[in-house]
Amino acid sequence: MKSLSVNVLDKADEEFADTLIELGLKRNVAKVLTYLKNVKEVTSRDLEMGSDLRQPEVSIAMRELEELGWIAEREEKKPGKGRPYKIYQLKTSIDAIIEYLETQKKKESLAMMASIKRLKELSK
């Protein structure tokens, strides 16, 4: 039996992920993003184990992060036979991601306040 060493999310990381979820990110996206902020690069397999997500959840999260332009992905051939494995890393800094989320929430808040103001005008 092999012994593997994989980083896992700790209590502070879980809190970071929970906060991302509160801001509207999906659970699997938040966990993957939290894991990626702590490592230079990671294989999809290690990401599954370290973030406690299943392979389909990681794939879906990576697709969403790729659409946002936040991650870089490359493939590396395994020694011997078999499919190459994917290696991921953050392409955008975590500070820029937080700033993006802040901007999105400000826009949402302004839109809601405008709707409330309009309702008040219409109710008179």
N, C-alpha and C. Protein backbone atom coordinates (compact mmCIF):
# COMPACT_ATOMS: atom_id res chain seq x y z
N MET A 1 0.85 -1.18 0.00
CA MET A 1 0.00 0.00 0.00
C MET A 1 0.89 1.24 0.00
N LYS A 2 0.49 2.24 -0.79
CA LYS A 2 1.26 3.48 -0.89
C LYS A 2 0.82 4.47 0.18
N SER A 3 1.74 5.30 0.59
CA SER A 3 1.44 6.39 1.51
C SER A 3 1.60 7.70 0.74
N LEU A 4 0.53 8.47 0.66
CA LEU A 4 0.57 9.73 -0.07
C LEU A 4 0.51 10.91 0.89
N SER A 5 1.18 11.97 0.52
CA SER A 5 1.15 13.19 1.31
C SER A 5 0.43 14.26 0.51
N VAL A 6 -0.76 14.63 0.98
CA VAL A 6 -1.57 15.62 0.28
C VAL A 6 -1.99 16.69 1.28
N ASN A 7 -1.86 17.95 0.89
CA ASN A 7 -2.33 19.04 1.74
C ASN A 7 -3.86 19.00 1.79
N VAL A 8 -4.42 19.27 2.95
CA VAL A 8 -5.87 19.33 3.09
C VAL A 8 -6.25 20.68 3.70
N LEU A 9 -7.50 21.06 3.48
CA LEU A 9 -7.98 22.34 4.00
C LEU A 9 -8.07 22.29 5.52
N ASP A 10 -7.56 23.33 6.19
CA ASP A 10 -7.67 23.40 7.65
C ASP A 10 -8.85 24.28 8.04
N LYS A 11 -8.98 24.56 9.32
CA LYS A 11 -10.13 25.32 9.83
C LYS A 11 -10.21 26.73 9.21
N ALA A 12 -9.06 27.41 9.10
CA ALA A 12 -9.04 28.76 8.51
C ALA A 12 -9.44 28.70 7.03
N ASP A 13 -8.98 27.65 6.34
CA ASP A 13 -9.34 27.49 4.93
C ASP A 13 -10.84 27.23 4.78
N GLU A 14 -11.39 26.43 5.68
CA GLU A 14 -12.83 26.14 5.64
C GLU A 14 -13.63 27.43 5.85
N GLU A 15 -13.15 28.29 6.76
CA GLU A 15 -13.81 29.57 6.99
C GLU A 15 -13.73 30.45 5.74
N PHE A 16 -12.58 30.45 5.08
CA PHE A 16 -12.40 31.21 3.84
C PHE A 16 -13.40 30.72 2.79
N ALA A 17 -13.49 29.39 2.63
CA ALA A 17 -14.42 28.80 1.66
C ALA A 17 -15.87 29.13 2.02
N ASP A 18 -16.21 29.05 3.30
CA ASP A 18 -17.58 29.37 3.74
C ASP A 18 -17.94 30.82 3.43
N THR A 19 -16.96 31.71 3.59
CA THR A 19 -17.20 33.12 3.28
C THR A 19 -17.42 33.31 1.78
N LEU A 20 -16.65 32.60 0.97
CA LEU A 20 -16.87 32.66 -0.48
C LEU A 20 -18.26 32.15 -0.85
N ILE A 21 -18.71 31.12 -0.15
CA ILE A 21 -20.05 30.57 -0.40
C ILE A 21 -21.11 31.61 -0.03
N GLU A 22 -20.90 32.30 1.11
CA GLU A 22 -21.83 33.35 1.52
C GLU A 22 -21.89 34.48 0.50
N LEU A 23 -20.81 34.69 -0.23
CA LEU A 23 -20.77 35.72 -1.26
C LEU A 23 -21.41 35.27 -2.57
N GLY A 24 -21.83 34.02 -2.60
CA GLY A 24 -22.56 33.55 -3.78
C GLY A 24 -21.86 32.52 -4.64
N LEU A 25 -20.63 32.16 -4.31
CA LEU A 25 -19.97 31.11 -5.08
C LEU A 25 -20.53 29.75 -4.70
N LYS A 26 -20.50 28.83 -5.64
CA LYS A 26 -20.95 27.47 -5.36
C LYS A 26 -19.94 26.80 -4.44
N ARG A 27 -20.40 25.83 -3.66
CA ARG A 27 -19.58 25.16 -2.67
C ARG A 27 -18.31 24.57 -3.30
N ASN A 28 -18.47 23.84 -4.40
CA ASN A 28 -17.29 23.19 -4.99
C ASN A 28 -16.32 24.22 -5.57
N VAL A 29 -16.82 25.31 -6.13
CA VAL A 29 -15.95 26.37 -6.66
C VAL A 29 -15.20 27.04 -5.51
N ALA A 30 -15.89 27.30 -4.42
CA ALA A 30 -15.27 27.94 -3.26
C ALA A 30 -14.15 27.06 -2.68
N LYS A 31 -14.40 25.76 -2.56
CA LYS A 31 -13.40 24.86 -1.99
C LYS A 31 -12.18 24.74 -2.90
N VAL A 32 -12.42 24.64 -4.21
CA VAL A 32 -11.31 24.53 -5.16
C VAL A 32 -10.48 25.81 -5.15
N LEU A 33 -11.15 26.95 -5.15
CA LEU A 33 -10.46 28.24 -5.12
C LEU A 33 -9.63 28.38 -3.85
N THR A 34 -10.20 27.97 -2.73
CA THR A 34 -9.48 28.02 -1.45
C THR A 34 -8.25 27.13 -1.49
N TYR A 35 -8.39 25.94 -2.05
CA TYR A 35 -7.25 25.03 -2.14
C TYR A 35 -6.16 25.61 -3.04
N LEU A 36 -6.58 26.15 -4.20
CA LEU A 36 -5.62 26.68 -5.16
C LEU A 36 -4.85 27.89 -4.63
N LYS A 37 -5.48 28.66 -3.73
CA LYS A 37 -4.78 29.84 -3.20
C LYS A 37 -3.61 29.44 -2.29
N ASN A 38 -3.62 28.21 -1.82
CA ASN A 38 -2.59 27.74 -0.89
C ASN A 38 -1.44 26.97 -1.55
N VAL A 39 -1.58 26.66 -2.83
CA VAL A 39 -0.55 25.86 -3.51
C VAL A 39 -0.10 26.56 -4.79
N LYS A 40 1.11 26.26 -5.22
CA LYS A 40 1.61 26.83 -6.48
C LYS A 40 0.87 26.19 -7.65
N GLU A 41 0.84 24.86 -7.66
CA GLU A 41 0.09 24.11 -8.66
C GLU A 41 -0.27 22.76 -8.07
N VAL A 42 -1.30 22.13 -8.67
CA VAL A 42 -1.80 20.89 -8.09
C VAL A 42 -2.40 20.01 -9.19
N THR A 43 -2.26 18.71 -9.02
CA THR A 43 -2.89 17.79 -9.96
C THR A 43 -4.37 17.67 -9.62
N SER A 44 -5.16 17.28 -10.59
CA SER A 44 -6.59 17.15 -10.34
C SER A 44 -6.85 16.11 -9.25
N ARG A 45 -6.07 15.06 -9.21
CA ARG A 45 -6.24 14.00 -8.21
C ARG A 45 -5.97 14.52 -6.80
N ASP A 46 -4.87 15.26 -6.64
CA ASP A 46 -4.56 15.82 -5.32
C ASP A 46 -5.60 16.85 -4.91
N LEU A 47 -6.11 17.59 -5.89
CA LEU A 47 -7.15 18.57 -5.62
C LEU A 47 -8.42 17.90 -5.11
N GLU A 48 -8.77 16.76 -5.69
CA GLU A 48 -9.94 16.00 -5.23
C GLU A 48 -9.77 15.59 -3.78
N MET A 49 -8.62 15.01 -3.47
CA MET A 49 -8.38 14.52 -2.11
C MET A 49 -8.25 15.66 -1.11
N GLY A 50 -7.52 16.71 -1.48
CA GLY A 50 -7.25 17.81 -0.56
C GLY A 50 -8.46 18.67 -0.26
N SER A 51 -9.37 18.81 -1.24
CA SER A 51 -10.54 19.65 -1.03
C SER A 51 -11.77 18.84 -0.64
N ASP A 52 -11.60 17.52 -0.56
CA ASP A 52 -12.68 16.61 -0.17
C ASP A 52 -13.87 16.72 -1.14
N LEU A 53 -13.55 16.73 -2.44
CA LEU A 53 -14.57 16.76 -3.48
C LEU A 53 -14.38 15.56 -4.39
N ARG A 54 -15.45 15.16 -5.06
CA ARG A 54 -15.36 14.07 -6.02
C ARG A 54 -14.90 14.62 -7.37
N GLN A 55 -14.44 13.73 -8.24
CA GLN A 55 -13.91 14.14 -9.53
C GLN A 55 -14.89 14.98 -10.35
N PRO A 56 -16.17 14.60 -10.45
CA PRO A 56 -17.08 15.44 -11.24
C PRO A 56 -17.25 16.85 -10.65
N GLU A 57 -17.22 16.95 -9.32
CA GLU A 57 -17.36 18.26 -8.67
C GLU A 57 -16.15 19.15 -8.98
N VAL A 58 -14.97 18.55 -8.98
CA VAL A 58 -13.75 19.29 -9.31
C VAL A 58 -13.80 19.73 -10.77
N SER A 59 -14.23 18.85 -11.66
CA SER A 59 -14.31 19.19 -13.09
C SER A 59 -15.26 20.35 -13.34
N ILE A 60 -16.42 20.32 -12.69
CA ILE A 60 -17.41 21.39 -12.85
C ILE A 60 -16.84 22.71 -12.32
N ALA A 61 -16.22 22.65 -11.15
CA ALA A 61 -15.63 23.86 -10.55
C ALA A 61 -14.54 24.42 -11.46
N MET A 62 -13.71 23.56 -12.02
CA MET A 62 -12.63 24.01 -12.88
C MET A 62 -13.17 24.65 -14.15
N ARG A 63 -14.25 24.11 -14.68
CA ARG A 63 -14.87 24.69 -15.87
C ARG A 63 -15.33 26.12 -15.57
N GLU A 64 -15.98 26.31 -14.41
CA GLU A 64 -16.45 27.65 -14.03
C GLU A 64 -15.29 28.62 -13.81
N LEU A 65 -14.24 28.15 -13.13
CA LEU A 65 -13.08 29.01 -12.87
C LEU A 65 -12.35 29.35 -14.17
N GLU A 66 -12.34 28.41 -15.11
CA GLU A 66 -11.71 28.65 -16.40
C GLU A 66 -12.49 29.69 -17.21
N GLU A 67 -13.83 29.62 -17.13
CA GLU A 67 -14.67 30.60 -17.82
C GLU A 67 -14.42 32.01 -17.29
N LEU A 68 -14.13 32.12 -16.00
CA LEU A 68 -13.83 33.42 -15.38
C LEU A 68 -12.40 33.86 -15.68
N GLY A 69 -11.60 32.95 -16.20
CA GLY A 69 -10.21 33.27 -16.52
C GLY A 69 -9.30 33.29 -15.32
N TRP A 70 -9.66 32.57 -14.28
CA TRP A 70 -8.90 32.61 -13.03
C TRP A 70 -7.87 31.51 -12.90
N ILE A 71 -7.93 30.48 -13.73
CA ILE A 71 -6.98 29.37 -13.58
C ILE A 71 -6.25 29.08 -14.89
N ALA A 72 -5.09 28.46 -14.76
CA ALA A 72 -4.34 27.95 -15.89
C ALA A 72 -4.30 26.44 -15.74
N GLU A 73 -4.39 25.75 -16.87
CA GLU A 73 -4.44 24.29 -16.86
C GLU A 73 -3.43 23.77 -17.87
N ARG A 74 -2.72 22.71 -17.49
CA ARG A 74 -1.83 22.05 -18.44
C ARG A 74 -1.88 20.54 -18.18
N GLU A 75 -1.47 19.80 -19.18
CA GLU A 75 -1.46 18.35 -19.04
C GLU A 75 -0.03 17.86 -18.97
N GLU A 76 0.17 16.82 -18.17
CA GLU A 76 1.49 16.22 -18.05
C GLU A 76 1.34 14.72 -18.21
N LYS A 77 2.23 14.14 -19.01
CA LYS A 77 2.15 12.70 -19.27
C LYS A 77 2.68 11.93 -18.07
N LYS A 78 1.93 10.89 -17.71
CA LYS A 78 2.39 10.00 -16.64
C LYS A 78 3.53 9.15 -17.17
N PRO A 79 4.42 8.73 -16.28
CA PRO A 79 5.43 7.78 -16.73
C PRO A 79 4.74 6.45 -17.07
N GLY A 80 5.08 5.87 -18.19
CA GLY A 80 4.44 4.62 -18.59
C GLY A 80 3.17 4.90 -19.38
N LYS A 81 2.23 4.00 -19.26
CA LYS A 81 0.98 4.13 -20.00
C LYS A 81 -0.05 4.93 -19.22
N GLY A 82 -1.16 5.21 -19.88
CA GLY A 82 -2.25 5.90 -19.20
C GLY A 82 -2.45 7.30 -19.73
N ARG A 83 -3.57 7.84 -19.32
CA ARG A 83 -3.91 9.20 -19.75
C ARG A 83 -3.04 10.21 -19.02
N PRO A 84 -2.76 11.34 -19.69
CA PRO A 84 -2.03 12.40 -18.98
C PRO A 84 -2.93 12.99 -17.90
N TYR A 85 -2.33 13.54 -16.88
CA TYR A 85 -3.12 14.16 -15.84
C TYR A 85 -3.02 15.67 -15.95
N LYS A 86 -4.07 16.33 -15.45
CA LYS A 86 -4.14 17.79 -15.55
C LYS A 86 -3.54 18.42 -14.31
N ILE A 87 -2.84 19.51 -14.54
CA ILE A 87 -2.24 20.27 -13.44
C ILE A 87 -2.82 21.69 -13.52
N TYR A 88 -3.29 22.18 -12.37
CA TYR A 88 -3.95 23.48 -12.31
C TYR A 88 -3.17 24.43 -11.42
N GLN A 89 -3.32 25.72 -11.72
CA GLN A 89 -2.79 26.76 -10.84
C GLN A 89 -3.61 28.03 -11.05
N LEU A 90 -3.61 28.88 -10.03
CA LEU A 90 -4.30 30.15 -10.16
C LEU A 90 -3.56 31.05 -11.12
N LYS A 91 -4.29 31.65 -12.05
CA LYS A 91 -3.70 32.58 -13.01
C LYS A 91 -3.92 34.02 -12.52
N THR A 92 -4.97 34.21 -11.73
CA THR A 92 -5.33 35.51 -11.18
C THR A 92 -5.03 35.49 -9.68
N SER A 93 -4.53 36.58 -9.16
CA SER A 93 -4.22 36.62 -7.72
C SER A 93 -5.51 36.56 -6.91
N ILE A 94 -5.39 36.07 -5.71
CA ILE A 94 -6.56 35.95 -4.84
C ILE A 94 -7.10 37.34 -4.49
N ASP A 95 -6.21 38.33 -4.41
CA ASP A 95 -6.65 39.71 -4.14
C ASP A 95 -7.51 40.24 -5.28
N ALA A 96 -7.12 39.94 -6.53
CA ALA A 96 -7.91 40.37 -7.68
C ALA A 96 -9.27 39.68 -7.71
N ILE A 97 -9.30 38.43 -7.30
CA ILE A 97 -10.56 37.68 -7.25
C ILE A 97 -11.49 38.29 -6.20
N ILE A 98 -10.93 38.61 -5.03
CA ILE A 98 -11.73 39.23 -3.96
C ILE A 98 -12.25 40.59 -4.43
N GLU A 99 -11.42 41.34 -5.12
CA GLU A 99 -11.83 42.64 -5.65
C GLU A 99 -12.98 42.48 -6.67
N TYR A 100 -12.89 41.46 -7.50
CA TYR A 100 -13.96 41.17 -8.47
C TYR A 100 -15.28 40.87 -7.74
N LEU A 101 -15.18 40.03 -6.70
CA LEU A 101 -16.39 39.68 -5.93
C LEU A 101 -16.97 40.92 -5.25
N GLU A 102 -16.10 41.77 -4.73
CA GLU A 102 -16.55 43.00 -4.08
C GLU A 102 -17.30 43.89 -5.07
N THR A 103 -16.75 44.04 -6.27
CA THR A 103 -17.39 44.85 -7.31
C THR A 103 -18.75 44.28 -7.68
N GLN A 104 -18.83 42.96 -7.82
CA GLN A 104 -20.10 42.32 -8.18
C GLN A 104 -21.16 42.57 -7.10
N LYS A 105 -20.77 42.45 -5.85
CA LYS A 105 -21.73 42.65 -4.76
C LYS A 105 -22.17 44.11 -4.67
N LYS A 106 -21.26 45.04 -4.95
CA LYS A 106 -21.63 46.46 -4.95
C LYS A 106 -22.66 46.74 -6.05
N LYS A 107 -22.45 46.16 -7.23
CA LYS A 107 -23.39 46.34 -8.34
C LYS A 107 -24.76 45.78 -7.97
N GLU A 108 -24.77 44.59 -7.38
CA GLU A 108 -26.03 43.97 -6.96
C GLU A 108 -26.75 44.85 -5.94
N SER A 109 -25.99 45.37 -4.98
CA SER A 109 -26.57 46.21 -3.93
C SER A 109 -27.18 47.48 -4.52
N LEU A 110 -26.45 48.11 -5.44
CA LEU A 110 -26.96 49.33 -6.07
C LEU A 110 -28.23 49.05 -6.87
N ALA A 111 -28.27 47.92 -7.55
CA ALA A 111 -29.46 47.55 -8.32
C ALA A 111 -30.66 47.32 -7.39
N MET A 112 -30.43 46.67 -6.28
CA MET A 112 -31.51 46.43 -5.31
C MET A 112 -32.02 47.74 -4.71
N MET A 113 -31.10 48.62 -4.36
CA MET A 113 -31.50 49.90 -3.78
C MET A 113 -32.29 50.73 -4.79
N ALA A 114 -31.91 50.67 -6.06
CA ALA A 114 -32.65 51.37 -7.10
C ALA A 114 -34.06 50.80 -7.23
N SER A 115 -34.18 49.49 -7.11
CA SER A 115 -35.50 48.85 -7.18
C SER A 115 -36.37 49.26 -6.00
N ILE A 116 -35.79 49.31 -4.81
CA ILE A 116 -36.53 49.73 -3.62
C ILE A 116 -36.97 51.19 -3.75
N LYS A 117 -36.07 52.04 -4.24
CA LYS A 117 -36.42 53.45 -4.44
C LYS A 117 -37.58 53.56 -5.42
N ARG A 118 -37.53 52.78 -6.49
CA ARG A 118 -38.61 52.80 -7.49
C ARG A 118 -39.93 52.33 -6.89
N LEU A 119 -39.87 51.29 -6.06
CA LEU A 119 -41.09 50.82 -5.38
C LEU A 119 -41.69 51.91 -4.50
N LYS A 120 -40.84 52.64 -3.79
CA LYS A 120 -41.34 53.73 -2.94
C LYS A 120 -42.02 54.80 -3.78
N GLU A 121 -41.43 55.13 -4.93
CA GLU A 121 -42.03 56.12 -5.82
C GLU A 121 -43.39 55.65 -6.35
N LEU A 122 -43.46 54.38 -6.70
CA LEU A 122 -44.67 53.82 -7.28
C LEU A 122 -45.80 53.67 -6.24
N SER A 123 -45.41 53.54 -4.97
CA SER A 123 -46.43 53.33 -3.94
C SER A 123 -47.12 54.63 -3.51
N LYS A 124 -46.62 55.78 -3.95
CA LYS A 124 -47.20 57.07 -3.55
C LYS A 124 -48.36 57.45 -4.45
